[in-house]
Amino acid sequence: MKLKTKQAAGIAMLIALNIILGKFSIGPAFASVNLGFMALVIAGYLYGIKLTMLAAVLANLLAFTIMGSGVYSVIFLLPALLAGGAYGFLAKPTLLRIILVNLVVVIGISFFLNTGLIVYVNHLNYETLLASRMIKALVSLPVQIGFSYFILRHAGIQGLRRKLAVR
């Protein structure tokens, strides 16, 4: 994959945006929705699967390196890679695709896979952790679907795609 200067600059900007937005959440602590996903939605729309996977992995590494605390395990790159790949399917967005991508990311990757990895790394009880993360997943899903739809239907983002002529 040959990366053009415009693409590299755009991906770098979206990685930075992901890290910054990742520090902001909406909702109460037990059901907060992290806003970092919005940068990956835009990356998926503008750059497709491969570059969005790259952006997600680099954002994950950089976010922990710059602002992380605690122990990091490289196995947490797997959910980032998969989420980036899923968001890459938003290159051709439809309402159904937006719903399916967010179902995969929120329920499949964040709720089940990420919970399993947290359990594995920290030696916790899977059922207990799933129960505590269920409310967050149920709140996050409609919020992420709504935000994704709004972002991808926004004239500014659509105009940016035409202007970049990325594809």
Protein backbone atom coordinates (compact mmCIF):
# COMPACT_ATOMS: atom_id res chain seq x y z
CA MET A 1 0.00 0.00 0.00
CA LYS A 2 1.54 3.27 -1.11
CA LEU A 3 0.56 6.19 1.08
CA LYS A 4 0.17 9.60 -0.54
CA THR A 5 1.16 12.75 1.33
CA LYS A 6 -2.45 13.95 1.50
CA GLN A 7 -3.54 10.61 2.94
CA ALA A 8 -0.73 10.52 5.50
CA ALA A 9 -1.57 14.04 6.66
CA GLY A 10 -5.29 13.24 6.86
CA ILE A 11 -4.73 10.02 8.78
CA ALA A 12 -2.30 11.77 11.16
CA MET A 13 -4.89 14.47 11.83
CA LEU A 14 -7.61 11.87 12.48
CA ILE A 15 -5.30 9.91 14.81
CA ALA A 16 -4.70 13.10 16.80
CA LEU A 17 -8.44 13.83 16.81
CA ASN A 18 -9.13 10.27 18.01
CA ILE A 19 -6.71 10.68 20.91
CA ILE A 20 -8.13 14.08 21.89
CA LEU A 21 -11.79 13.05 21.57
CA GLY A 22 -10.97 9.85 23.46
CA LYS A 23 -10.45 11.99 26.55
CA PHE A 24 -14.05 13.24 26.36
CA SER A 25 -17.16 11.26 27.24
CA ILE A 26 -20.85 11.97 27.51
CA GLY A 27 -23.12 10.45 30.12
CA PRO A 28 -22.58 9.21 33.66
CA ALA A 29 -19.41 7.25 34.51
CA PHE A 30 -21.13 3.84 34.51
CA ALA A 31 -22.58 4.40 31.03
CA SER A 32 -20.32 6.99 29.45
CA VAL A 33 -19.78 7.10 25.71
CA ASN A 34 -16.22 7.88 24.64
CA LEU A 35 -16.18 10.24 21.66
CA GLY A 36 -12.95 8.96 20.07
CA PHE A 37 -14.90 6.68 17.74
CA MET A 38 -16.00 9.71 15.69
CA ALA A 39 -12.52 10.17 14.21
CA LEU A 40 -12.49 6.51 13.13
CA VAL A 41 -15.93 6.88 11.54
CA ILE A 42 -14.56 9.77 9.47
CA ALA A 43 -11.38 7.81 8.67
CA GLY A 44 -13.46 4.84 7.52
CA TYR A 45 -15.55 7.08 5.28
CA LEU A 46 -12.57 8.92 3.78
CA TYR A 47 -9.92 6.19 3.60
CA GLY A 48 -11.52 2.74 3.70
CA ILE A 49 -10.54 -0.41 5.56
CA LYS A 50 -6.73 -0.62 5.44
CA LEU A 51 -5.91 2.95 6.38
CA THR A 52 -8.59 3.03 9.08
CA MET A 53 -7.14 -0.15 10.59
CA LEU A 54 -3.72 1.53 10.59
CA ALA A 55 -5.16 4.69 12.14
CA ALA A 56 -6.94 2.73 14.88
CA VAL A 57 -3.82 0.76 15.84
CA LEU A 58 -1.57 3.84 15.84
CA ALA A 59 -4.13 5.84 17.83
CA ASN A 60 -4.34 3.01 20.37
CA LEU A 61 -0.55 2.86 20.76
CA LEU A 62 -0.10 6.62 20.90
CA ALA A 63 -2.98 7.19 23.31
CA PHE A 64 -1.49 4.75 25.79
CA THR A 65 2.04 6.03 25.27
CA ILE A 66 1.05 9.67 25.73
CA MET A 67 -1.73 9.44 28.30
CA GLY A 68 -1.86 5.84 29.46
CA SER A 69 -1.56 4.56 32.96
CA GLY A 70 -1.32 1.04 34.24
CA VAL A 71 -0.17 -1.99 32.32
CA TYR A 72 -0.54 -2.21 28.55
CA SER A 73 -0.66 -5.44 26.61
CA VAL A 74 -0.17 -5.71 22.86
CA ILE A 75 -3.22 -7.96 22.66
CA PHE A 76 -5.30 -4.79 22.97
CA LEU A 77 -4.16 -3.94 19.45
CA LEU A 78 -6.47 -6.71 18.17
CA PRO A 79 -9.73 -4.92 19.08
CA ALA A 80 -8.32 -1.67 17.69
CA LEU A 81 -7.38 -3.40 14.44
CA LEU A 82 -10.79 -5.06 14.13
CA ALA A 83 -12.70 -1.87 15.00
CA GLY A 84 -10.68 0.06 12.41
CA GLY A 85 -11.51 -2.59 9.84
CA ALA A 86 -15.19 -2.44 10.72
CA TYR A 87 -15.28 1.36 10.47
CA GLY A 88 -13.56 1.03 7.10
CA PHE A 89 -16.79 -0.48 5.75
CA LEU A 90 -18.34 2.98 6.15
CA ALA A 91 -16.57 4.08 2.96
CA LYS A 92 -19.95 3.42 1.32
CA PRO A 93 -22.37 4.37 4.10
CA THR A 94 -26.00 3.38 4.20
CA LEU A 95 -28.19 3.40 7.30
CA LEU A 96 -28.08 -0.41 7.43
CA ARG A 97 -24.29 -0.45 7.11
CA ILE A 98 -23.94 2.21 9.84
CA ILE A 99 -26.12 0.14 12.16
CA LEU A 100 -24.28 -3.13 11.39
CA VAL A 101 -20.80 -1.60 11.75
CA ASN A 102 -21.70 -0.09 15.11
CA LEU A 103 -23.28 -3.36 16.27
CA VAL A 104 -20.06 -5.18 15.42
CA VAL A 105 -17.86 -2.56 17.11
CA VAL A 106 -19.92 -1.90 20.24
CA ILE A 107 -21.30 -5.37 20.95
CA GLY A 108 -18.88 -7.76 19.24
CA ILE A 109 -15.56 -6.00 19.71
CA SER A 110 -15.94 -3.64 22.68
CA PHE A 111 -18.41 -5.60 24.78
CA PHE A 112 -17.39 -9.21 24.18
CA LEU A 113 -13.81 -9.23 22.82
CA ASN A 114 -12.41 -6.33 24.81
CA THR A 115 -14.07 -7.60 27.99
CA GLY A 116 -12.50 -11.02 27.38
CA LEU A 117 -9.08 -9.47 26.91
CA ILE A 118 -9.44 -7.38 30.08
CA VAL A 119 -10.39 -10.55 31.95
CA TYR A 120 -7.40 -12.41 30.48
CA VAL A 121 -4.86 -9.69 31.27
CA ASN A 122 -6.19 -8.81 34.74
CA HIS A 123 -7.45 -12.27 35.84
CA LEU A 124 -11.00 -11.09 36.52
CA ASN A 125 -14.35 -12.87 36.40
CA TYR A 126 -15.82 -12.69 32.87
CA GLU A 127 -19.51 -12.77 33.86
CA THR A 128 -19.07 -10.09 36.51
CA LEU A 129 -17.24 -7.77 34.16
CA LEU A 130 -19.76 -8.39 31.36
CA ALA A 131 -22.61 -7.47 33.68
CA SER A 132 -20.93 -4.22 34.68
CA ARG A 133 -20.19 -3.28 31.04
CA MET A 134 -23.65 -4.17 29.72
CA ILE A 135 -25.26 -0.82 30.54
CA LYS A 136 -22.41 1.04 28.85
CA ALA A 137 -22.82 -1.07 25.69
CA LEU A 138 -26.58 -0.58 25.60
CA VAL A 139 -26.19 3.19 25.97
CA SER A 140 -23.23 3.44 23.57
CA LEU A 141 -24.88 1.61 20.69
CA PRO A 142 -27.70 4.04 19.82
CA VAL A 143 -25.47 7.04 20.55
CA GLN A 144 -22.75 5.78 18.22
CA ILE A 145 -25.27 4.91 15.51
CA GLY A 146 -26.81 8.39 15.75
CA PHE A 147 -23.48 10.21 15.77
CA SER A 148 -22.16 8.07 12.90
CA TYR A 149 -25.25 8.75 10.80
CA PHE A 150 -25.10 12.48 11.51
CA ILE A 151 -21.37 12.71 10.75
CA LEU A 152 -21.56 10.75 7.52
CA ARG A 153 -24.60 12.67 6.27
CA HIS A 154 -23.06 16.05 7.10
CA ALA A 155 -22.44 18.13 4.00
CA GLY A 156 -19.04 19.26 5.29
CA ILE A 157 -17.72 15.70 5.58
CA GLN A 158 -19.18 14.76 2.19
CA GLY A 159 -17.61 17.86 0.67
CA LEU A 160 -14.27 17.00 2.24
CA ARG A 161 -14.41 13.59 0.63
CA ARG A 162 -15.10 15.11 -2.79
CA LYS A 163 -12.37 17.69 -2.30
CA LEU A 164 -9.78 15.13 -1.23
CA ALA A 165 -10.78 12.77 -4.03
CA VAL A 166 -9.28 10.06 -1.85
CA ARG A 167 -10.60 7.13 -3.79
